[in-house]
Amino acid sequence: MPDPQNNPSSPQPPAQPGGTGSLPGAGVPTSGGTGGAGASGGDGASGGATQHREACCVPGSVQPPAQPGGTDSLPGASSPIFQRLDLCERRPYRTREYLGRYLWLLVQATLIRYSPPQALGWRRFWLRLFGAQLAPTAKLRARTRVMHPWLLSVGHHSSLASGVNVYNLGPIHIGDHTTISQGVELCAGTHDYRQPHLPLLRLPIHIGSGVWICAQAFIGPNVTVGDNTIVGARAVVMKDLPPNVIAAGNPAVVVRPRPMNQP
């Protein structure tokens, strides 16, 4: 009886999916699925993906494309780097400001942070001690964060909710009867990106009276928000807003006039 192993005409068992037929350099192509198009050199999408995946695993073969932020962005790449962080100013503030900030951070993290919710006068006392200009009816919560109290001014019956971040590298003025809701970011500072050493710009923010800045909105540097204006939740305000309007979106645009029905 002839030996089936030595008989070239004897039928061979079909290749199993995922077996050795799918390995690089295997002699038996896989049938169906992703192996068919890939092994036959066709232009099917699944076959091309299989060949590319295998080639990436073989030393010396075509490498996957570079990812953003990889070595292609290092000096010597096709695009020269303009921004030079090694040239940034190391001490952009005066020594007196640094000392004031350290003392205020200590007070804010202890005496302010753990004060009772209704201890409004207690928080006004410490903010005023560090130079803030607060009306007797101004309200700031225990979790309201203020960078520089001496650059903050808040009018009568205005309130800053829990989680508001007053990042006032420049002065911030808030008028009367204005509400700053939870999670709002007031960012009165930026950098001049037109220069390689990114000099610090301490620009002001002016928020008028009767304004409502809704939850998690962002108010950028050198922005004025007019009286009676509403800024929608999570809006990004990078330009001045006129009075008596409702604005929303990123970037924020005027949606419509604010309805003001008299009681």
Foldseek 3Di string as FASTA:
>chain_A
DDDLVPDPPRDDDADDPPDPLLAPPDPHFHDDDLRPCLVVVHDDPSVVVSVVVRQCVDPPGDHDDDDPPPPCPDDPHPDHDQADQVLADPDLDDPVLVVLQVVVVVCLVPVLQPDDQPVQVSVVVVLVVQQAAEDPQEGEGSQEAARRSNQEYAEHNEYEDHQEYHQQLHHEYAYYQEYHDHQEYEHQKFFDPVHNNGYIDRAYEYEYYLEYEDHNDYEYHPEYEEHNEYEDHNEYDDYYHYHQFYWYDHPIDTDGGHDDDDD
